[in-house]
C-alpha atoms as a PDB file:
ATOM      1  CA  ILE A   1     120.857  64.788  92.709  1.00  0.00           C
ATOM      2  CA  TYR A   2     124.658  64.973  92.845  1.00  0.00           C
ATOM      3  CA  PHE A   3     127.200  62.163  92.884  1.00  0.00           C
ATOM      4  CA  ASP A   4     130.928  61.975  93.540  1.00  0.00           C
ATOM      5  CA  VAL A   5     132.302  59.530  90.977  1.00  0.00           C
ATOM      6  CA  LYS A   6     135.719  57.852  91.061  1.00  0.00           C
ATOM      7  CA  SER A   7     137.090  55.529  88.441  1.00  0.00           C
ATOM      8  CA  SER A   8     139.961  53.072  88.350  1.00  0.00           C
ATOM      9  CA  MET A   9     141.389  50.787  85.678  1.00  0.00           C
ATOM     10  CA  MET A  10     140.836  47.048  86.156  1.00  0.00           C
ATOM     11  CA  MET A  11     143.752  44.841  85.121  1.00  0.00           C
ATOM     12  CA  ASP A  12     143.839  41.174  84.140  1.00  0.00           C
ATOM     13  CA  ARG A  13     147.299  39.619  83.854  1.00  0.00           C
ATOM     14  CA  GLY A  14     148.844  42.978  83.325  1.00  0.00           C
ATOM     15  CA  LYS A  15     146.385  44.076  80.665  1.00  0.00           C
ATOM     16  CA  PRO A  16     143.466  46.509  81.008  1.00  0.00           C
ATOM     17  CA  SER A  17     140.217  44.571  81.286  1.00  0.00           C
ATOM     18  CA  GLY A  18     137.751  47.283  82.197  1.00  0.00           C
ATOM     19  CA  ILE A  19     137.034  50.378  84.264  1.00  0.00           C
ATOM     20  CA  LEU A  20     135.488  50.339  87.711  1.00  0.00           C
ATOM     21  CA  PHE A  21     133.251  53.280  88.591  1.00  0.00           C
ATOM     22  CA  VAL A  22     132.272  53.996  92.207  1.00  0.00           C
ATOM     23  CA  ALA A  23     129.539  56.600  92.748  1.00  0.00           C
ATOM     24  CA  ARG A  24     128.656  58.123  96.113  1.00  0.00           C
ATOM     25  CA  ASP A  25     125.535  60.205  96.690  1.00  0.00           C
ATOM     26  CA  ALA A  26     126.784  63.740  97.401  1.00  0.00           C
ATOM     27  CA  THR A  27     123.418  65.503  97.303  1.00  0.00           C
ATOM     28  CA  LYS A  28     123.251  66.223 101.031  1.00  0.00           C
ATOM     29  CA  ARG A  29     126.806  67.564 101.107  1.00  0.00           C
ATOM     30  CA  ARG A  30     126.127  69.850  98.139  1.00  0.00           C
ATOM     31  CA  GLN A  31     122.934  71.107  99.787  1.00  0.00           C
ATOM     32  CA  ASN A  32     124.843  71.850 102.995  1.00  0.00           C
ATOM     33  CA  GLU A  33     127.544  73.678 101.049  1.00  0.00           C
ATOM     34  CA  GLU A  34     124.920  75.754  99.225  1.00  0.00           C
ATOM     35  CA  GLN A  35     123.181  76.572 102.507  1.00  0.00           C
ATOM     36  CA  ILE A  36     126.479  77.746 104.026  1.00  0.00           C
ATOM     37  CA  ARG A  37     127.214  79.827 100.913  1.00  0.00           C
ATOM     38  CA  MET A  38     123.787  81.465 101.065  1.00  0.00           C
ATOM     39  CA  MET A  39     124.151  82.176 104.791  1.00  0.00           C
ATOM     40  CA  ALA A  40     127.309  84.128 103.961  1.00  0.00           C
ATOM     41  CA  ILE A  41     125.460  86.534 101.623  1.00  0.00           C
ATOM     42  CA  ILE A  42     121.885  86.604 103.020  1.00  0.00           C
ATOM     43  CA  ASP A  43     120.604  88.726 105.899  1.00  0.00           C
ATOM     44  CA  THR A  44     118.878  86.209 108.156  1.00  0.00           C
ATOM     45  CA  LEU A  45     116.347  88.704 109.576  1.00  0.00           C
ATOM     46  CA  THR A  46     114.894  90.019 106.308  1.00  0.00           C
ATOM     47  CA  GLY A  47     115.875  87.395 103.736  1.00  0.00           C
ATOM     48  CA  LEU A  48     117.477  90.117 101.593  1.00  0.00           C
ATOM     49  CA  TYR A  49     121.119  90.112 100.554  1.00  0.00           C
ATOM     50  CA  ASN A  50     123.535  91.358 103.200  1.00  0.00           C
ATOM     51  CA  ARG A  51     126.311  93.854 102.464  1.00  0.00           C
ATOM     52  CA  ARG A  52     128.728  91.183 101.249  1.00  0.00           C
ATOM     53  CA  GLY A  53     126.141  89.685  98.905  1.00  0.00           C
ATOM     54  CA  PHE A  54     125.108  93.101  97.617  1.00  0.00           C
ATOM     55  CA  VAL A  55     128.651  94.298  96.919  1.00  0.00           C
ATOM     56  CA  THR A  56     129.584  91.043  95.173  1.00  0.00           C
ATOM     57  CA  LEU A  57     126.529  91.017  92.901  1.00  0.00           C
ATOM     58  CA  ALA A  58     126.605  94.776  92.290  1.00  0.00           C
ATOM     59  CA  GLU A  59     130.228  94.634  91.169  1.00  0.00           C
ATOM     60  CA  GLN A  60     129.307  91.909  88.679  1.00  0.00           C
ATOM     61  CA  GLN A  61     126.455  94.029  87.301  1.00  0.00           C
ATOM     62  CA  MET A  62     128.731  97.066  87.021  1.00  0.00           C
ATOM     63  CA  LYS A  63     131.215  95.068  84.931  1.00  0.00           C
ATOM     64  CA  THR A  64     128.361  93.944  82.692  1.00  0.00           C
ATOM     65  CA  ALA A  65     127.188  97.550  82.390  1.00  0.00           C
ATOM     66  CA  VAL A  66     130.631  98.587  81.140  1.00  0.00           C
ATOM     67  CA  ARG A  67     130.416  95.945  78.395  1.00  0.00           C
ATOM     68  CA  THR A  68     126.829  96.737  77.392  1.00  0.00           C
ATOM     69  CA  GLY A  69     126.870 100.498  77.956  1.00  0.00           C
ATOM     70  CA  LYS A  70     123.650 100.359  80.018  1.00  0.00           C
ATOM     71  CA  LYS A  71     123.216 102.564  83.079  1.00  0.00           C
ATOM     72  CA  LEU A  72     122.229 101.277  86.525  1.00  0.00           C
ATOM     73  CA  LEU A  73     120.227 102.954  89.291  1.00  0.00           C
ATOM     74  CA  LEU A  74     121.126 102.723  92.958  1.00  0.00           C
ATOM     75  CA  PHE A  75     118.544 103.461  95.650  1.00  0.00           C
ATOM     76  CA  PHE A  76     119.991 103.982  99.132  1.00  0.00           C
ATOM     77  CA  ILE A  77     117.198 103.664 101.689  1.00  0.00           C
ATOM     78  CA  ASP A  78     117.167 104.439 105.394  1.00  0.00           C
ATOM     79  CA  LEU A  79     114.293 103.344 107.632  1.00  0.00           C
ATOM     80  CA  ASP A  80     113.254 106.497 109.508  1.00  0.00           C
ATOM     81  CA  GLY A  81     112.823 106.411 113.268  1.00  0.00           C
ATOM     82  CA  LEU A  82     114.048 102.869 113.984  1.00  0.00           C
ATOM     83  CA  LYS A  83     115.702 104.046 117.221  1.00  0.00           C
ATOM     84  CA  PHE A  84     112.391 105.537 118.352  1.00  0.00           C
ATOM     85  CA  VAL A  85     110.597 102.228 117.622  1.00  0.00           C
ATOM     86  CA  ASN A  86     113.266 100.270 119.513  1.00  0.00           C
ATOM     87  CA  ASP A  87     113.234 102.630 122.496  1.00  0.00           C
ATOM     88  CA  THR A  88     109.435 102.838 122.679  1.00  0.00           C
ATOM     89  CA  TRP A  89     108.227  99.319 121.849  1.00  0.00           C
ATOM     90  CA  GLY A  90     111.393  97.210 122.113  1.00  0.00           C
ATOM     91  CA  HIS A  91     113.850  95.611 119.723  1.00  0.00           C
ATOM     92  CA  GLU A  92     111.437  92.850 118.768  1.00  0.00           C
ATOM     93  CA  GLU A  93     109.154  95.510 117.310  1.00  0.00           C
ATOM     94  CA  GLY A  94     112.179  97.121 115.699  1.00  0.00           C
ATOM     95  CA  ASP A  95     112.945  93.811 113.981  1.00  0.00           C
ATOM     96  CA  ARG A  96     109.335  93.675 112.813  1.00  0.00           C
ATOM     97  CA  ALA A  97     109.714  97.142 111.307  1.00  0.00           C
ATOM     98  CA  LEU A  98     112.800  95.993 109.418  1.00  0.00           C
ATOM     99  CA  LYS A  99     110.922  92.958 108.103  1.00  0.00           C
ATOM    100  CA  ARG A 100     107.984  95.135 107.012  1.00  0.00           C
ATOM    101  CA  THR A 101     110.409  97.398 105.170  1.00  0.00           C
ATOM    102  CA  ALA A 102     111.942  94.391 103.400  1.00  0.00           C
ATOM    103  CA  VAL A 103     108.477  93.265 102.256  1.00  0.00           C
ATOM    104  CA  ILE A 104     107.758  96.731 100.847  1.00  0.00           C
ATOM    105  CA  LEU A 105     111.035  96.716  98.930  1.00  0.00           C
ATOM    106  CA  LYS A 106     110.388  93.238  97.520  1.00  0.00           C
ATOM    107  CA  LYS A 107     106.979  94.407  96.280  1.00  0.00           C
ATOM    108  CA  THR A 108     108.477  97.545  94.738  1.00  0.00           C
ATOM    109  CA  PHE A 109     111.525  96.210  92.929  1.00  0.00           C
ATOM    110  CA  ARG A 110     111.804  93.323  90.469  1.00  0.00           C
ATOM    111  CA  GLU A 111     113.327  89.906  91.128  1.00  0.00           C
ATOM    112  CA  SER A 112     116.171  90.800  88.763  1.00  0.00           C
ATOM    113  CA  ASP A 113     117.068  93.823  90.905  1.00  0.00           C
ATOM    114  CA  ILE A 114     119.518  93.396  93.790  1.00  0.00           C
ATOM    115  CA  ILE A 115     117.874  94.285  97.114  1.00  0.00           C
ATOM    116  CA  SER A 116     119.910  94.345 100.297  1.00  0.00           C
ATOM    117  CA  ARG A 117     119.900  95.215 103.948  1.00  0.00           C
ATOM    118  CA  LEU A 118     123.364  96.724 104.208  1.00  0.00           C
ATOM    119  CA  ALA A 119     123.389  97.180 108.002  1.00  0.00           C
ATOM    120  CA  GLY A 120     121.077  98.260 110.805  1.00  0.00           C
ATOM    121  CA  ASP A 121     118.376 100.448 109.269  1.00  0.00           C
ATOM    122  CA  GLU A 122     120.135 100.879 105.899  1.00  0.00           C
ATOM    123  CA  PHE A 123     118.921  99.191 102.721  1.00  0.00           C
ATOM    124  CA  ALA A 124     119.970  99.407  99.076  1.00  0.00           C
ATOM    125  CA  ALA A 125     118.507  98.351  95.758  1.00  0.00           C
ATOM    126  CA  LEU A 126     120.426  98.211  92.483  1.00  0.00           C
ATOM    127  CA  VAL A 127     118.065  98.447  89.531  1.00  0.00           C
ATOM    128  CA  VAL A 128     119.324  96.551  86.505  1.00  0.00           C
ATOM    129  CA  ASP A 129     118.220  97.060  82.890  1.00  0.00           C
ATOM    130  CA  ASN A 130     115.010  98.933  83.681  1.00  0.00           C
ATOM    131  CA  PRO A 131     113.820 101.770  81.394  1.00  0.00           C
ATOM    132  CA  GLU A 132     111.674 103.314  84.167  1.00  0.00           C
ATOM    133  CA  LEU A 133     112.648 106.734  85.476  1.00  0.00           C
ATOM    134  CA  PRO A 134     113.709 106.957  89.151  1.00  0.00           C
ATOM    135  CA  GLU A 135     110.610 109.075  89.861  1.00  0.00           C
ATOM    136  CA  VAL A 136     108.340 106.252  88.679  1.00  0.00           C
ATOM    137  CA  ILE A 137     110.031 103.751  90.979  1.00  0.00           C
ATOM    138  CA  LEU A 138     109.940 106.208  93.899  1.00  0.00           C
ATOM    139  CA  THR A 139     106.218 106.749  93.352  1.00  0.00           C
ATOM    140  CA  ARG A 140     105.629 102.993  93.344  1.00  0.00           C
ATOM    141  CA  LEU A 141     107.702 102.648  96.513  1.00  0.00           C
ATOM    142  CA  GLN A 142     105.612 105.306  98.257  1.00  0.00           C
ATOM    143  CA  CYS A 143     102.404 103.571  97.151  1.00  0.00           C
ATOM    144  CA  ARG A 144     103.598 100.240  98.535  1.00  0.00           C
ATOM    145  CA  THR A 145     104.598 101.959 101.776  1.00  0.00           C
ATOM    146  CA  ASP A 146     101.188 103.619 102.077  1.00  0.00           C
ATOM    147  CA  GLU A 147      99.480 100.261 101.453  1.00  0.00           C
ATOM    148  CA  GLU A 148     101.566  98.571 104.160  1.00  0.00           C
ATOM    149  CA  ASN A 149     100.847 101.338 106.671  1.00  0.00           C
ATOM    150  CA  ALA A 150      97.117 101.282 105.896  1.00  0.00           C
ATOM    151  CA  ALA A 151      96.925  97.499 106.349  1.00  0.00           C
ATOM    152  CA  SER A 152      98.990  97.438 109.542  1.00  0.00           C
ATOM    153  CA  HIS A 153      97.691  97.798 113.091  1.00  0.00           C
ATOM    154  CA  GLN A 154     101.097  98.836 114.451  1.00  0.00           C
ATOM    155  CA  PRO A 155     101.241 102.081 116.475  1.00  0.00           C
ATOM    156  CA  TYR A 156     103.802 103.616 114.102  1.00  0.00           C
ATOM    157  CA  GLN A 157     104.180 104.245 110.377  1.00  0.00           C
ATOM    158  CA  ILE A 158     106.901 102.931 108.105  1.00  0.00           C
ATOM    159  CA  SER A 159     108.782 105.892 106.652  1.00  0.00           C
ATOM    160  CA  MET A 160     111.930 105.909 104.509  1.00  0.00           C
ATOM    161  CA  SER A 161     114.490 108.483 103.457  1.00  0.00           C
ATOM    162  CA  ILE A 162     115.897 107.702 100.014  1.00  0.00           C
ATOM    163  CA  GLY A 163     118.868 108.793  97.937  1.00  0.00           C
ATOM    164  CA  VAL A 164     119.114 107.842  94.274  1.00  0.00           C
ATOM    165  CA  THR A 165     122.119 107.921  91.983  1.00  0.00           C
ATOM    166  CA  SER A 166     122.953 106.372  88.623  1.00  0.00           C
ATOM    167  CA  TYR A 167     125.964 104.404  87.455  1.00  0.00           C
ATOM    168  CA  ASP A 168     127.220 105.638  84.090  1.00  0.00           C
ATOM    169  CA  PRO A 169     129.537 103.013  82.544  1.00  0.00           C
ATOM    170  CA  SER A 170     131.250 105.742  80.522  1.00  0.00           C
ATOM    171  CA  GLU A 171     132.429 107.218  83.838  1.00  0.00           C
ATOM    172  CA  PRO A 172     133.103 104.110  85.954  1.00  0.00           C
ATOM    173  CA  CYS A 173     133.468 104.222  89.719  1.00  0.00           C
ATOM    174  CA  SER A 174     133.514 101.655  92.534  1.00  0.00           C
ATOM    175  CA  ILE A 175     130.370 100.348  94.192  1.00  0.00           C
ATOM    176  CA  HIS A 176     131.528 102.026  97.427  1.00  0.00           C
ATOM    177  CA  GLU A 177     131.725 105.409  95.701  1.00  0.00           C
ATOM    178  CA  LEU A 178     128.259 104.848  94.242  1.00  0.00           C
ATOM    179  CA  ILE A 179     126.823 103.975  97.668  1.00  0.00           C
ATOM    180  CA  SER A 180     128.492 107.066  99.181  1.00  0.00           C
ATOM    181  CA  ARG A 181     126.881 109.375  96.604  1.00  0.00           C
ATOM    182  CA  ALA A 182     123.432 107.901  97.193  1.00  0.00           C
ATOM    183  CA  ASP A 183     124.018 108.003 100.952  1.00  0.00           C
ATOM    184  CA  HIS A 184     124.680 111.764 100.856  1.00  0.00           C
ATOM    185  CA  ARG A 185     121.475 112.344  98.890  1.00  0.00           C
ATOM    186  CA  MET A 186     119.532 110.225 101.364  1.00  0.00           C
ATOM    187  CA  TYR A 187     120.821 112.326 104.273  1.00  0.00           C
ATOM    188  CA  ASP A 188     119.797 115.497 102.444  1.00  0.00           C
ATOM    189  CA  GLN A 189     116.230 114.184 102.322  1.00  0.00           C
ATOM    190  CA  LYS A 190     116.364 113.095 105.965  1.00  0.00           C
ATOM    191  CA  LYS A 191     117.557 116.554 107.071  1.00  0.00           C
ATOM    192  CA  GLU A 192     114.753 118.160 105.083  1.00  0.00           C
ATOM    193  CA  LYS A 193     112.213 115.892 106.787  1.00  0.00           C
ATOM    194  CA  LYS A 194     113.538 116.875 110.205  1.00  0.00           C
ATOM    195  CA  ARG A 195     113.499 120.544 109.247  1.00  0.00           C
ATOM    196  CA  THR A 196     109.866 120.385 108.134  1.00  0.00           C
ATOM    197  CA  GLY A 197     108.679 118.142 110.988  1.00  0.00           C
ATOM    198  CA  GLN A 198     107.974 115.122 108.774  1.00  0.00           C
ATOM    199  CA  TYR A 199     110.514 112.864 110.483  1.00  0.00           C
ATOM    200  CA  PRO A 200     109.172 110.290 113.009  1.00  0.00           C
ATOM    201  CA  ARG A 201     109.937 111.128 116.623  1.00  0.00           C
END
């Protein structure tokens, strides 16, 4: 519960005689302000952070990493074949595919990690203070994806192309540079999938 409190001096014959406090319930206003703030950094479709929220929080974590000397891991994730899903079964099904992907990511990464839908079919996850190797996390992500596909009755499979890079605080860079490096690695994997026929139609 929040209150706005104002005070004023009470006078009696020119001398202070007390203080008058007036309190107004500001809980609803604070809740509305918080809701507006969250809407500015949350992707409404998936419930993950949007690009603005991700960049803001990632930059904070990168500053902390410089102070502590701890590395960070960035996973740049692209949902394969979203255009095919949209063109074949409609955009409503495409939205469902994005939501399913968000659920998989939430099950894979920890609450302390920063998970985002950057735009369209692009997602990112910044792993903070986790001793696990990238390969361990990638294996867990594939397991969660396989579980989701096995449990689903949809006529298509969720598939992701992923690029991973690390942030070394001894060689600082911007979050945009970090995303760009992971993005290039993701596209390398996507091209390999297309070359070997593993990419969804």
